[in-house]
Amino acid sequence: MDVTRLIAVRHGETTWNVDARLQGQLDIPLNATGAWQAARLGDALAGEPIAAVYASDLSRAWQTAEAIAAPHGIDIVSDVGLRERGFGHFEGKTFAWIEAEMPEQARLWRTRDTAYAPEGGESLLVFRDRVIATATAIAARHTGELIVLVAHGGVMDVLYRAATRQELQAPRTWQLGNAAVNRLLWTPEGFSLVGWSDTTHLAGDALDENAP
């Protein structure tokens, strides 16, 4: 059977994670903690037989991917399909601001209305289709190998739901920690879960911009 092993990783911490500010597709770099997390992650995966590293082109993901790829001497492959969900006019705003200034839109966001898209952004349905199509195409190129995908919290959420066959509107009970190690398998039948949110290489709590 054609099987690809995947390690899916959310980027390290940024100042906007700390501020609970939506980054979306804005290009926010890692903060000092995020750089430390990326370095620890790179050390943790140095002994893995990684054949390829793919990353979102946004700098917080790219910087994290650099720490993973360097010990293996391999180049990172950029893929815009691994970008975070486009949050449109929510980008740069905090959750508190959205709740206070846009209560109806905040309700649609909070209840995970799958067709709702913030102005200029993506709906959950569009976002899910983009992520699954991208991850599937990448995995299909690497059957029999172990690869790494470095992306964002929303991407991790979509992959977890796909691997566990959970609907987009199902309440989330799993973690989307910065620089956590998430392991999946891909076959032509889809994704399956091997292990999730391994943070033994890190200390402290990660912050989640994809709440609720």
N, C-alpha and C. Protein backbone atom coordinates (compact mmCIF):
# COMPACT_ATOMS: atom_id res chain seq x y z
N MET A 1 0.84 -1.20 0.00
CA MET A 1 0.00 0.00 0.00
C MET A 1 0.88 1.25 0.00
N ASP A 2 0.44 2.29 -0.72
CA ASP A 2 1.16 3.55 -0.74
C ASP A 2 0.89 4.31 0.56
N VAL A 3 1.93 4.49 1.38
CA VAL A 3 1.79 5.15 2.67
C VAL A 3 2.86 6.23 2.80
N THR A 4 2.45 7.39 3.24
CA THR A 4 3.39 8.47 3.56
C THR A 4 3.25 8.81 5.03
N ARG A 5 4.35 8.89 5.73
CA ARG A 5 4.35 9.33 7.13
C ARG A 5 4.57 10.83 7.17
N LEU A 6 3.78 11.50 7.98
CA LEU A 6 3.88 12.95 8.08
C LEU A 6 4.08 13.40 9.52
N ILE A 7 4.93 14.39 9.69
CA ILE A 7 5.01 15.15 10.93
C ILE A 7 4.47 16.54 10.60
N ALA A 8 3.37 16.90 11.22
CA ALA A 8 2.75 18.21 10.98
C ALA A 8 3.04 19.10 12.19
N VAL A 9 3.52 20.31 11.92
CA VAL A 9 3.99 21.19 12.99
C VAL A 9 3.40 22.59 12.81
N ARG A 10 2.87 23.12 13.89
CA ARG A 10 2.52 24.53 13.91
C ARG A 10 3.78 25.33 14.23
N HIS A 11 3.89 26.50 13.64
CA HIS A 11 5.05 27.37 13.87
C HIS A 11 5.24 27.69 15.35
N GLY A 12 6.42 28.18 15.69
CA GLY A 12 6.69 28.63 17.05
C GLY A 12 5.92 29.90 17.39
N GLU A 13 6.02 30.30 18.63
CA GLU A 13 5.25 31.43 19.15
C GLU A 13 5.65 32.76 18.52
N THR A 14 4.65 33.65 18.39
CA THR A 14 4.88 35.03 17.94
C THR A 14 4.31 35.98 19.00
N THR A 15 4.67 37.26 18.89
CA THR A 15 4.12 38.25 19.82
C THR A 15 2.61 38.35 19.68
N TRP A 16 2.10 38.13 18.47
CA TRP A 16 0.66 38.21 18.27
C TRP A 16 -0.06 37.03 18.88
N ASN A 17 0.59 35.86 18.96
CA ASN A 17 0.00 34.76 19.74
C ASN A 17 -0.18 35.18 21.18
N VAL A 18 0.84 35.81 21.74
CA VAL A 18 0.80 36.24 23.13
C VAL A 18 -0.33 37.24 23.36
N ASP A 19 -0.54 38.11 22.37
CA ASP A 19 -1.56 39.16 22.48
C ASP A 19 -2.96 38.67 22.09
N ALA A 20 -3.10 37.39 21.71
CA ALA A 20 -4.37 36.85 21.21
C ALA A 20 -4.88 37.68 20.03
N ARG A 21 -3.95 38.03 19.15
CA ARG A 21 -4.26 38.84 17.98
C ARG A 21 -4.23 37.95 16.74
N LEU A 22 -5.26 38.04 15.91
CA LEU A 22 -5.36 37.17 14.74
C LEU A 22 -4.31 37.56 13.69
N GLN A 23 -3.49 36.59 13.32
CA GLN A 23 -2.45 36.83 12.33
C GLN A 23 -2.94 36.53 10.92
N GLY A 24 -3.66 35.41 10.78
CA GLY A 24 -4.13 35.03 9.46
C GLY A 24 -2.97 34.93 8.49
N GLN A 25 -3.05 35.66 7.39
CA GLN A 25 -2.01 35.60 6.37
C GLN A 25 -1.07 36.80 6.43
N LEU A 26 -1.14 37.58 7.51
CA LEU A 26 -0.14 38.62 7.73
C LEU A 26 1.18 37.97 8.12
N ASP A 27 2.28 38.57 7.72
CA ASP A 27 3.60 37.94 7.88
C ASP A 27 4.26 38.37 9.17
N ILE A 28 3.95 37.67 10.24
CA ILE A 28 4.46 37.99 11.58
C ILE A 28 5.57 36.99 11.93
N PRO A 29 6.76 37.48 12.31
CA PRO A 29 7.87 36.56 12.61
C PRO A 29 7.76 35.95 13.99
N LEU A 30 8.60 34.98 14.27
CA LEU A 30 8.69 34.39 15.59
C LEU A 30 9.21 35.41 16.60
N ASN A 31 8.76 35.29 17.85
CA ASN A 31 9.40 36.06 18.91
C ASN A 31 10.55 35.21 19.50
N ALA A 32 11.16 35.70 20.57
CA ALA A 32 12.31 34.99 21.14
C ALA A 32 11.92 33.59 21.63
N THR A 33 10.73 33.49 22.24
CA THR A 33 10.26 32.18 22.68
C THR A 33 10.05 31.26 21.49
N GLY A 34 9.45 31.79 20.43
CA GLY A 34 9.21 30.99 19.23
C GLY A 34 10.50 30.48 18.61
N ALA A 35 11.53 31.33 18.59
CA ALA A 35 12.83 30.90 18.04
C ALA A 35 13.43 29.79 18.89
N TRP A 36 13.27 29.91 20.22
CA TRP A 36 13.74 28.85 21.12
C TRP A 36 12.97 27.55 20.88
N GLN A 37 11.65 27.67 20.74
CA GLN A 37 10.84 26.48 20.47
C GLN A 37 11.27 25.80 19.17
N ALA A 38 11.52 26.60 18.15
CA ALA A 38 11.93 26.05 16.85
C ALA A 38 13.26 25.31 16.98
N ALA A 39 14.19 25.90 17.73
CA ALA A 39 15.48 25.25 17.91
C ALA A 39 15.35 23.93 18.66
N ARG A 40 14.52 23.91 19.69
CA ARG A 40 14.29 22.67 20.43
C ARG A 40 13.62 21.62 19.55
N LEU A 41 12.71 22.06 18.71
CA LEU A 41 12.03 21.16 17.78
C LEU A 41 13.02 20.57 16.79
N GLY A 42 13.89 21.43 16.26
CA GLY A 42 14.91 20.94 15.33
C GLY A 42 15.79 19.89 15.96
N ASP A 43 16.19 20.09 17.22
CA ASP A 43 17.00 19.11 17.93
C ASP A 43 16.22 17.80 18.11
N ALA A 44 14.94 17.91 18.44
CA ALA A 44 14.13 16.73 18.70
C ALA A 44 13.94 15.87 17.46
N LEU A 45 13.91 16.50 16.30
CA LEU A 45 13.66 15.77 15.05
C LEU A 45 14.95 15.47 14.27
N ALA A 46 16.08 15.82 14.83
CA ALA A 46 17.35 15.66 14.10
C ALA A 46 17.64 14.20 13.74
N GLY A 47 17.17 13.27 14.58
CA GLY A 47 17.44 11.86 14.31
C GLY A 47 16.40 11.16 13.46
N GLU A 48 15.38 11.88 13.02
CA GLU A 48 14.31 11.30 12.20
C GLU A 48 14.76 11.23 10.73
N PRO A 49 14.35 10.17 10.01
CA PRO A 49 14.75 10.04 8.59
C PRO A 49 13.87 10.90 7.67
N ILE A 50 13.95 12.20 7.84
CA ILE A 50 13.09 13.13 7.11
C ILE A 50 13.58 13.30 5.67
N ALA A 51 12.68 13.07 4.72
CA ALA A 51 13.03 13.15 3.30
C ALA A 51 12.77 14.53 2.72
N ALA A 52 11.81 15.27 3.28
CA ALA A 52 11.46 16.58 2.72
C ALA A 52 10.77 17.41 3.80
N VAL A 53 10.96 18.72 3.70
CA VAL A 53 10.29 19.66 4.60
C VAL A 53 9.55 20.67 3.75
N TYR A 54 8.24 20.75 3.95
CA TYR A 54 7.40 21.73 3.26
C TYR A 54 6.92 22.75 4.29
N ALA A 55 6.77 24.00 3.85
CA ALA A 55 6.35 25.04 4.78
C ALA A 55 5.50 26.09 4.10
N SER A 56 4.61 26.67 4.88
CA SER A 56 3.95 27.92 4.48
C SER A 56 5.04 28.95 4.21
N ASP A 57 4.77 29.86 3.29
CA ASP A 57 5.76 30.89 2.97
C ASP A 57 5.78 32.02 3.98
N LEU A 58 4.87 32.04 4.95
CA LEU A 58 4.88 33.08 5.97
C LEU A 58 6.04 32.86 6.92
N SER A 59 6.69 33.95 7.33
CA SER A 59 7.99 33.84 7.99
C SER A 59 7.96 33.04 9.29
N ARG A 60 6.86 33.09 10.04
CA ARG A 60 6.81 32.34 11.29
C ARG A 60 6.89 30.84 11.05
N ALA A 61 6.29 30.37 9.95
CA ALA A 61 6.39 28.96 9.59
C ALA A 61 7.75 28.66 8.97
N TRP A 62 8.21 29.57 8.12
CA TRP A 62 9.49 29.35 7.42
C TRP A 62 10.65 29.28 8.42
N GLN A 63 10.66 30.18 9.40
CA GLN A 63 11.72 30.17 10.41
C GLN A 63 11.70 28.87 11.20
N THR A 64 10.52 28.38 11.51
CA THR A 64 10.40 27.11 12.23
C THR A 64 10.91 25.96 11.35
N ALA A 65 10.56 26.00 10.08
CA ALA A 65 11.00 24.96 9.16
C ALA A 65 12.51 24.95 8.99
N GLU A 66 13.13 26.12 9.02
CA GLU A 66 14.59 26.19 8.89
C GLU A 66 15.29 25.41 9.99
N ALA A 67 14.76 25.50 11.21
CA ALA A 67 15.37 24.79 12.33
C ALA A 67 15.23 23.28 12.18
N ILE A 68 14.17 22.84 11.51
CA ILE A 68 13.96 21.39 11.29
C ILE A 68 14.82 20.90 10.15
N ALA A 69 14.90 21.67 9.06
CA ALA A 69 15.60 21.22 7.85
C ALA A 69 17.11 21.25 8.00
N ALA A 70 17.63 22.21 8.78
CA ALA A 70 19.08 22.41 8.85
C ALA A 70 19.87 21.17 9.24
N PRO A 71 19.48 20.42 10.30
CA PRO A 71 20.27 19.25 10.66
C PRO A 71 20.29 18.16 9.57
N HIS A 72 19.34 18.21 8.67
CA HIS A 72 19.25 17.20 7.62
C HIS A 72 19.89 17.66 6.30
N GLY A 73 20.27 18.93 6.25
CA GLY A 73 20.90 19.45 5.04
C GLY A 73 19.99 19.46 3.84
N ILE A 74 18.69 19.65 4.06
CA ILE A 74 17.75 19.65 2.94
C ILE A 74 17.11 21.03 2.81
N ASP A 75 16.70 21.34 1.58
CA ASP A 75 16.05 22.61 1.31
C ASP A 75 14.57 22.54 1.66
N ILE A 76 14.02 23.66 2.08
CA ILE A 76 12.60 23.74 2.38
C ILE A 76 11.85 24.04 1.09
N VAL A 77 10.71 23.40 0.93
CA VAL A 77 9.84 23.67 -0.21
C VAL A 77 8.69 24.55 0.26
N SER A 78 8.53 25.71 -0.36
CA SER A 78 7.47 26.64 0.00
C SER A 78 6.16 26.25 -0.69
N ASP A 79 5.06 26.33 0.05
CA ASP A 79 3.74 26.05 -0.53
C ASP A 79 2.71 26.98 0.11
N VAL A 80 2.17 27.89 -0.68
CA VAL A 80 1.20 28.85 -0.15
C VAL A 80 -0.09 28.15 0.29
N GLY A 81 -0.32 26.94 -0.18
CA GLY A 81 -1.48 26.18 0.25
C GLY A 81 -1.44 25.81 1.72
N LEU A 82 -0.27 25.94 2.35
CA LEU A 82 -0.12 25.65 3.78
C LEU A 82 -0.29 26.90 4.64
N ARG A 83 -0.65 28.03 4.03
CA ARG A 83 -0.88 29.24 4.81
C ARG A 83 -2.06 29.08 5.77
N GLU A 84 -2.05 29.93 6.78
CA GLU A 84 -3.18 30.01 7.70
C GLU A 84 -4.43 30.44 6.94
N ARG A 85 -5.58 30.17 7.54
CA ARG A 85 -6.83 30.66 6.97
C ARG A 85 -6.78 32.18 6.80
N GLY A 86 -7.30 32.66 5.69
CA GLY A 86 -7.42 34.10 5.50
C GLY A 86 -8.54 34.64 6.36
N PHE A 87 -8.20 35.50 7.33
CA PHE A 87 -9.18 36.04 8.26
C PHE A 87 -9.73 37.39 7.81
N GLY A 88 -9.30 37.87 6.66
CA GLY A 88 -9.86 39.10 6.12
C GLY A 88 -9.71 40.27 7.08
N HIS A 89 -10.82 41.01 7.29
CA HIS A 89 -10.73 42.21 8.12
C HIS A 89 -10.59 41.91 9.61
N PHE A 90 -10.59 40.63 9.98
CA PHE A 90 -10.27 40.27 11.36
C PHE A 90 -8.77 40.29 11.64
N GLU A 91 -7.96 40.23 10.60
CA GLU A 91 -6.52 40.13 10.79
C GLU A 91 -5.99 41.38 11.50
N GLY A 92 -5.17 41.15 12.51
CA GLY A 92 -4.64 42.24 13.31
C GLY A 92 -5.50 42.60 14.50
N LYS A 93 -6.71 42.03 14.58
CA LYS A 93 -7.63 42.33 15.68
C LYS A 93 -7.50 41.27 16.77
N THR A 94 -7.85 41.66 18.00
CA THR A 94 -7.89 40.69 19.09
C THR A 94 -9.29 40.09 19.17
N PHE A 95 -9.39 38.94 19.84
CA PHE A 95 -10.70 38.33 20.05
C PHE A 95 -11.62 39.27 20.81
N ALA A 96 -11.05 39.95 21.81
CA ALA A 96 -11.87 40.86 22.62
C ALA A 96 -12.45 41.99 21.77
N TRP A 97 -11.65 42.52 20.86
CA TRP A 97 -12.12 43.62 20.00
C TRP A 97 -13.24 43.13 19.09
N ILE A 98 -13.08 41.95 18.51
CA ILE A 98 -14.10 41.42 17.61
C ILE A 98 -15.40 41.19 18.36
N GLU A 99 -15.33 40.63 19.56
CA GLU A 99 -16.53 40.41 20.37
C GLU A 99 -17.24 41.72 20.69
N ALA A 100 -16.47 42.75 20.98
CA ALA A 100 -17.06 44.03 21.39
C ALA A 100 -17.60 44.83 20.21
N GLU A 101 -16.89 44.81 19.08
CA GLU A 101 -17.23 45.68 17.96
C GLU A 101 -18.06 45.01 16.88
N MET A 102 -18.00 43.69 16.78
CA MET A 102 -18.70 42.97 15.74
C MET A 102 -19.40 41.75 16.34
N PRO A 103 -20.35 41.95 17.23
CA PRO A 103 -20.92 40.82 17.98
C PRO A 103 -21.58 39.76 17.10
N GLU A 104 -22.26 40.15 16.02
CA GLU A 104 -22.90 39.15 15.16
C GLU A 104 -21.87 38.34 14.40
N GLN A 105 -20.86 39.02 13.88
CA GLN A 105 -19.80 38.28 13.19
C GLN A 105 -19.02 37.42 14.18
N ALA A 106 -18.85 37.91 15.38
CA ALA A 106 -18.18 37.11 16.42
C ALA A 106 -18.99 35.84 16.72
N ARG A 107 -20.32 35.96 16.73
CA ARG A 107 -21.17 34.79 16.98
C ARG A 107 -21.01 33.75 15.88
N LEU A 108 -21.00 34.21 14.63
CA LEU A 108 -20.81 33.28 13.51
C LEU A 108 -19.45 32.59 13.60
N TRP A 109 -18.45 33.35 14.00
CA TRP A 109 -17.10 32.80 14.18
C TRP A 109 -17.09 31.78 15.31
N ARG A 110 -17.67 32.16 16.44
CA ARG A 110 -17.65 31.31 17.64
C ARG A 110 -18.42 30.02 17.44
N THR A 111 -19.50 30.07 16.67
CA THR A 111 -20.31 28.87 16.44
C THR A 111 -19.82 28.06 15.25
N ARG A 112 -18.71 28.47 14.67
CA ARG A 112 -18.07 27.75 13.57
C ARG A 112 -19.03 27.56 12.39
N ASP A 113 -19.70 28.63 12.02
CA ASP A 113 -20.55 28.61 10.83
C ASP A 113 -19.65 28.33 9.62
N THR A 114 -19.84 27.18 8.99
CA THR A 114 -18.89 26.74 7.97
C THR A 114 -18.90 27.58 6.70
N ALA A 115 -20.01 28.25 6.43
CA ALA A 115 -20.11 29.07 5.21
C ALA A 115 -19.69 30.51 5.45
N TYR A 116 -19.54 30.91 6.72
CA TYR A 116 -19.23 32.30 7.02
C TYR A 116 -17.76 32.61 6.73
N ALA A 117 -17.53 33.72 6.05
CA ALA A 117 -16.17 34.21 5.81
C ALA A 117 -16.10 35.66 6.23
N PRO A 118 -15.15 36.02 7.07
CA PRO A 118 -14.95 37.44 7.36
C PRO A 118 -14.67 38.19 6.05
N GLU A 119 -15.08 39.44 5.99
CA GLU A 119 -14.89 40.21 4.75
C GLU A 119 -13.43 40.13 4.29
N GLY A 120 -13.24 39.67 3.06
CA GLY A 120 -11.89 39.53 2.52
C GLY A 120 -11.19 38.24 2.91
N GLY A 121 -11.88 37.36 3.67
CA GLY A 121 -11.25 36.14 4.15
C GLY A 121 -11.87 34.88 3.57
N GLU A 122 -11.53 33.74 4.17
CA GLU A 122 -12.00 32.44 3.71
C GLU A 122 -13.02 31.86 4.67
N SER A 123 -13.99 31.15 4.14
CA SER A 123 -14.88 30.37 4.99
C SER A 123 -14.14 29.12 5.45
N LEU A 124 -14.69 28.47 6.48
CA LEU A 124 -14.10 27.21 6.94
C LEU A 124 -14.12 26.16 5.84
N LEU A 125 -15.18 26.13 5.04
CA LEU A 125 -15.28 25.14 3.96
C LEU A 125 -14.19 25.35 2.92
N VAL A 126 -14.01 26.60 2.51
CA VAL A 126 -12.98 26.91 1.50
C VAL A 126 -11.60 26.60 2.06
N PHE A 127 -11.38 27.00 3.30
CA PHE A 127 -10.09 26.77 3.95
C PHE A 127 -9.79 25.28 4.05
N ARG A 128 -10.77 24.50 4.53
CA ARG A 128 -10.56 23.05 4.65
C ARG A 128 -10.20 22.44 3.31
N ASP A 129 -10.92 22.79 2.26
CA ASP A 129 -10.67 22.21 0.95
C ASP A 129 -9.26 22.55 0.47
N ARG A 130 -8.82 23.77 0.72
CA ARG A 130 -7.46 24.17 0.32
C ARG A 130 -6.41 23.35 1.05
N VAL A 131 -6.57 23.22 2.36
CA VAL A 131 -5.57 22.51 3.16
C VAL A 131 -5.51 21.04 2.79
N ILE A 132 -6.65 20.39 2.68
CA ILE A 132 -6.67 18.96 2.37
C ILE A 132 -6.11 18.71 0.97
N ALA A 133 -6.47 19.54 0.01
CA ALA A 133 -5.93 19.37 -1.34
C ALA A 133 -4.41 19.53 -1.35
N THR A 134 -3.91 20.52 -0.63
CA THR A 134 -2.47 20.77 -0.57
C THR A 134 -1.73 19.62 0.10
N ALA A 135 -2.20 19.23 1.29
CA ALA A 135 -1.53 18.16 2.04
C ALA A 135 -1.59 16.83 1.30
N THR A 136 -2.70 16.57 0.63
CA THR A 136 -2.84 15.33 -0.14
C THR A 136 -1.86 15.30 -1.31
N ALA A 137 -1.77 16.40 -2.02
CA ALA A 137 -0.86 16.46 -3.17
C ALA A 137 0.59 16.28 -2.74
N ILE A 138 0.96 16.91 -1.62
CA ILE A 138 2.33 16.76 -1.11
C ILE A 138 2.58 15.31 -0.69
N ALA A 139 1.68 14.75 0.10
CA ALA A 139 1.88 13.39 0.60
C ALA A 139 1.97 12.38 -0.53
N ALA A 140 1.18 12.57 -1.57
CA ALA A 140 1.18 11.63 -2.70
C ALA A 140 2.51 11.60 -3.44
N ARG A 141 3.29 12.66 -3.30
CA ARG A 141 4.60 12.71 -3.95
C ARG A 141 5.68 11.98 -3.16
N HIS A 142 5.36 11.54 -1.93
CA HIS A 142 6.39 11.02 -1.04
C HIS A 142 6.00 9.69 -0.41
N THR A 143 5.35 8.82 -1.17
CA THR A 143 4.97 7.53 -0.60
C THR A 143 6.22 6.75 -0.19
N GLY A 144 6.12 6.11 0.96
CA GLY A 144 7.24 5.35 1.50
C GLY A 144 8.23 6.20 2.27
N GLU A 145 7.96 7.49 2.42
CA GLU A 145 8.90 8.38 3.08
C GLU A 145 8.25 9.09 4.28
N LEU A 146 9.10 9.74 5.06
CA LEU A 146 8.67 10.60 6.16
C LEU A 146 8.92 12.04 5.75
N ILE A 147 7.89 12.88 5.83
CA ILE A 147 8.02 14.28 5.47
C ILE A 147 7.47 15.15 6.61
N VAL A 148 7.83 16.43 6.56
CA VAL A 148 7.38 17.39 7.56
C VAL A 148 6.60 18.49 6.86
N LEU A 149 5.46 18.85 7.43
CA LEU A 149 4.68 20.01 7.00
C LEU A 149 4.69 21.03 8.12
N VAL A 150 5.19 22.23 7.85
CA VAL A 150 5.23 23.29 8.86
C VAL A 150 4.23 24.36 8.46
N ALA A 151 3.25 24.58 9.30
CA ALA A 151 2.17 25.48 8.91
C ALA A 151 1.64 26.24 10.13
N HIS A 152 0.33 26.26 10.31
CA HIS A 152 -0.33 27.14 11.28
C HIS A 152 -1.39 26.39 12.05
N GLY A 153 -1.90 27.04 13.11
CA GLY A 153 -2.87 26.37 13.97
C GLY A 153 -4.11 25.91 13.23
N GLY A 154 -4.63 26.75 12.35
CA GLY A 154 -5.82 26.36 11.60
C GLY A 154 -5.57 25.17 10.70
N VAL A 155 -4.39 25.11 10.12
CA VAL A 155 -4.02 23.97 9.27
C VAL A 155 -3.95 22.70 10.10
N MET A 156 -3.35 22.80 11.30
CA MET A 156 -3.29 21.63 12.18
C MET A 156 -4.70 21.15 12.53
N ASP A 157 -5.59 22.09 12.79
CA ASP A 157 -6.96 21.74 13.14
C ASP A 157 -7.65 20.98 12.01
N VAL A 158 -7.48 21.44 10.78
CA VAL A 158 -8.08 20.77 9.62
C VAL A 158 -7.51 19.37 9.47
N LEU A 159 -6.21 19.21 9.62
CA LEU A 159 -5.59 17.90 9.47
C LEU A 159 -6.07 16.93 10.56
N TYR A 160 -6.20 17.43 11.78
CA TYR A 160 -6.70 16.57 12.86
C TYR A 160 -8.12 16.11 12.56
N ARG A 161 -8.96 17.02 12.14
CA ARG A 161 -10.34 16.67 11.83
C ARG A 161 -10.41 15.66 10.68
N ALA A 162 -9.57 15.86 9.67
CA ALA A 162 -9.56 14.92 8.54
C ALA A 162 -9.11 13.53 9.00
N ALA A 163 -8.10 13.49 9.86
CA ALA A 163 -7.54 12.20 10.30
C ALA A 163 -8.46 11.46 11.25
N THR A 164 -9.32 12.20 11.96
CA THR A 164 -10.21 11.57 12.94
C THR A 164 -11.67 11.58 12.49
N ARG A 165 -11.88 12.04 11.25
CA ARG A 165 -13.22 12.05 10.63
C ARG A 165 -14.22 12.88 11.45
N GLN A 166 -13.77 14.03 11.92
CA GLN A 166 -14.65 14.92 12.67
C GLN A 166 -15.10 16.09 11.79
N GLU A 167 -16.32 16.51 11.99
CA GLU A 167 -16.89 17.59 11.20
C GLU A 167 -16.28 18.93 11.58
N LEU A 168 -16.38 19.87 10.65
CA LEU A 168 -15.83 21.20 10.90
C LEU A 168 -16.49 21.89 12.09
N GLN A 169 -17.74 21.58 12.34
CA GLN A 169 -18.45 22.25 13.43
C GLN A 169 -18.31 21.55 14.77
N ALA A 170 -17.65 20.40 14.80
CA ALA A 170 -17.47 19.69 16.07
C ALA A 170 -16.62 20.53 17.02
N PRO A 171 -17.01 20.63 18.29
CA PRO A 171 -16.21 21.37 19.26
C PRO A 171 -14.80 20.79 19.33
N ARG A 172 -13.82 21.66 19.44
CA ARG A 172 -12.44 21.19 19.48
C ARG A 172 -12.03 20.85 20.91
N THR A 173 -11.52 19.64 21.10
CA THR A 173 -11.04 19.18 22.40
C THR A 173 -9.55 18.85 22.35
N TRP A 174 -8.89 19.08 21.22
CA TRP A 174 -7.48 18.76 21.04
C TRP A 174 -6.67 20.05 21.03
N GLN A 175 -5.38 19.90 21.29
CA GLN A 175 -4.47 21.04 21.37
C GLN A 175 -3.87 21.38 20.01
N LEU A 176 -3.56 22.67 19.82
CA LEU A 176 -2.89 23.13 18.61
C LEU A 176 -1.65 23.93 19.03
N GLY A 177 -0.81 23.31 19.83
CA GLY A 177 0.30 24.03 20.44
C GLY A 177 1.39 24.44 19.47
N ASN A 178 2.02 25.57 19.78
CA ASN A 178 3.17 26.02 18.99
C ASN A 178 4.30 25.00 19.09
N ALA A 179 4.83 24.62 17.94
CA ALA A 179 6.00 23.74 17.83
C ALA A 179 5.78 22.35 18.41
N ALA A 180 4.53 21.93 18.56
CA ALA A 180 4.25 20.55 18.97
C ALA A 180 4.43 19.61 17.78
N VAL A 181 4.74 18.35 18.08
CA VAL A 181 4.91 17.34 17.04
C VAL A 181 3.61 16.55 16.89
N ASN A 182 3.06 16.56 15.69
CA ASN A 182 1.83 15.83 15.38
C ASN A 182 2.14 14.83 14.26
N ARG A 183 1.77 13.58 14.46
CA ARG A 183 2.12 12.53 13.50
C ARG A 183 0.87 11.95 12.83
N LEU A 184 0.95 11.83 11.51
CA LEU A 184 -0.16 11.32 10.71
C LEU A 184 0.36 10.34 9.68
N LEU A 185 -0.56 9.55 9.15
CA LEU A 185 -0.29 8.72 7.98
C LEU A 185 -1.21 9.16 6.86
N TRP A 186 -0.70 9.07 5.63
CA TRP A 186 -1.55 9.30 4.47
C TRP A 186 -1.50 8.09 3.55
N THR A 187 -2.66 7.67 3.09
CA THR A 187 -2.80 6.69 2.00
C THR A 187 -3.78 7.28 1.01
N PRO A 188 -3.95 6.66 -0.17
CA PRO A 188 -4.96 7.19 -1.10
C PRO A 188 -6.37 7.25 -0.53
N GLU A 189 -6.61 6.58 0.60
CA GLU A 189 -7.93 6.64 1.25
C GLU A 189 -8.06 7.86 2.17
N GLY A 190 -6.94 8.55 2.44
CA GLY A 190 -7.01 9.74 3.28
C GLY A 190 -5.99 9.71 4.40
N PHE A 191 -6.22 10.57 5.40
CA PHE A 191 -5.30 10.72 6.51
C PHE A 191 -5.78 9.92 7.72
N SER A 192 -4.83 9.49 8.54
CA SER A 192 -5.15 8.85 9.82
C SER A 192 -4.17 9.34 10.86
N LEU A 193 -4.59 9.24 12.13
CA LEU A 193 -3.82 9.81 13.23
C LEU A 193 -2.90 8.77 13.85
N VAL A 194 -1.67 9.17 14.10
CA VAL A 194 -0.70 8.31 14.79
C VAL A 194 -0.45 8.85 16.20
N GLY A 195 -0.18 10.13 16.31
CA GLY A 195 0.06 10.76 17.61
C GLY A 195 -0.14 12.25 17.49
N TRP A 196 -0.52 12.90 18.60
CA TRP A 196 -0.87 14.32 18.51
C TRP A 196 -0.32 15.11 19.70
N SER A 197 0.17 16.29 19.40
CA SER A 197 0.57 17.30 20.39
C SER A 197 1.64 16.80 21.35
N ASP A 198 2.70 16.23 20.80
CA ASP A 198 3.85 15.84 21.61
C ASP A 198 4.69 17.09 21.86
N THR A 199 4.75 17.51 23.12
CA THR A 199 5.51 18.70 23.49
C THR A 199 6.59 18.38 24.52
N THR A 200 7.06 17.14 24.54
CA THR A 200 8.06 16.74 25.53
C THR A 200 9.37 17.50 25.33
N HIS A 201 9.60 18.03 24.14
CA HIS A 201 10.82 18.79 23.87
C HIS A 201 10.70 20.25 24.28
N LEU A 202 9.53 20.65 24.77
CA LEU A 202 9.26 22.04 25.12
C LEU A 202 8.89 22.17 26.60
N ALA A 203 8.92 23.40 27.07
CA ALA A 203 8.43 23.70 28.42
C ALA A 203 7.43 24.83 28.32
N GLY A 204 6.41 24.84 29.20
CA GLY A 204 5.43 25.92 29.21
C GLY A 204 4.28 25.65 28.27
N ASP A 205 3.32 26.56 28.27
CA ASP A 205 2.12 26.43 27.48
C ASP A 205 2.22 27.23 26.19
N ALA A 206 1.60 26.71 25.13
CA ALA A 206 1.51 27.43 23.86
C ALA A 206 0.20 28.18 23.80
N LEU A 207 0.16 29.21 22.98
CA LEU A 207 -1.03 30.05 22.85
C LEU A 207 -1.69 29.79 21.52
N ASP A 208 -3.01 29.86 21.52
CA ASP A 208 -3.81 29.41 20.37
C ASP A 208 -4.63 30.54 19.81
N GLU A 209 -4.33 30.97 18.56
CA GLU A 209 -5.09 32.06 17.96
C GLU A 209 -6.33 31.56 17.26
N ASN A 210 -6.57 30.25 17.27
CA ASN A 210 -7.71 29.69 16.57
C ASN A 210 -8.89 29.39 17.49
N ALA A 211 -8.82 29.85 18.74
CA ALA A 211 -9.98 29.70 19.62
C ALA A 211 -11.12 30.54 19.07
N PRO A 212 -12.40 30.15 19.27
CA PRO A 212 -12.79 28.99 20.06
C PRO A 212 -12.70 27.73 19.21
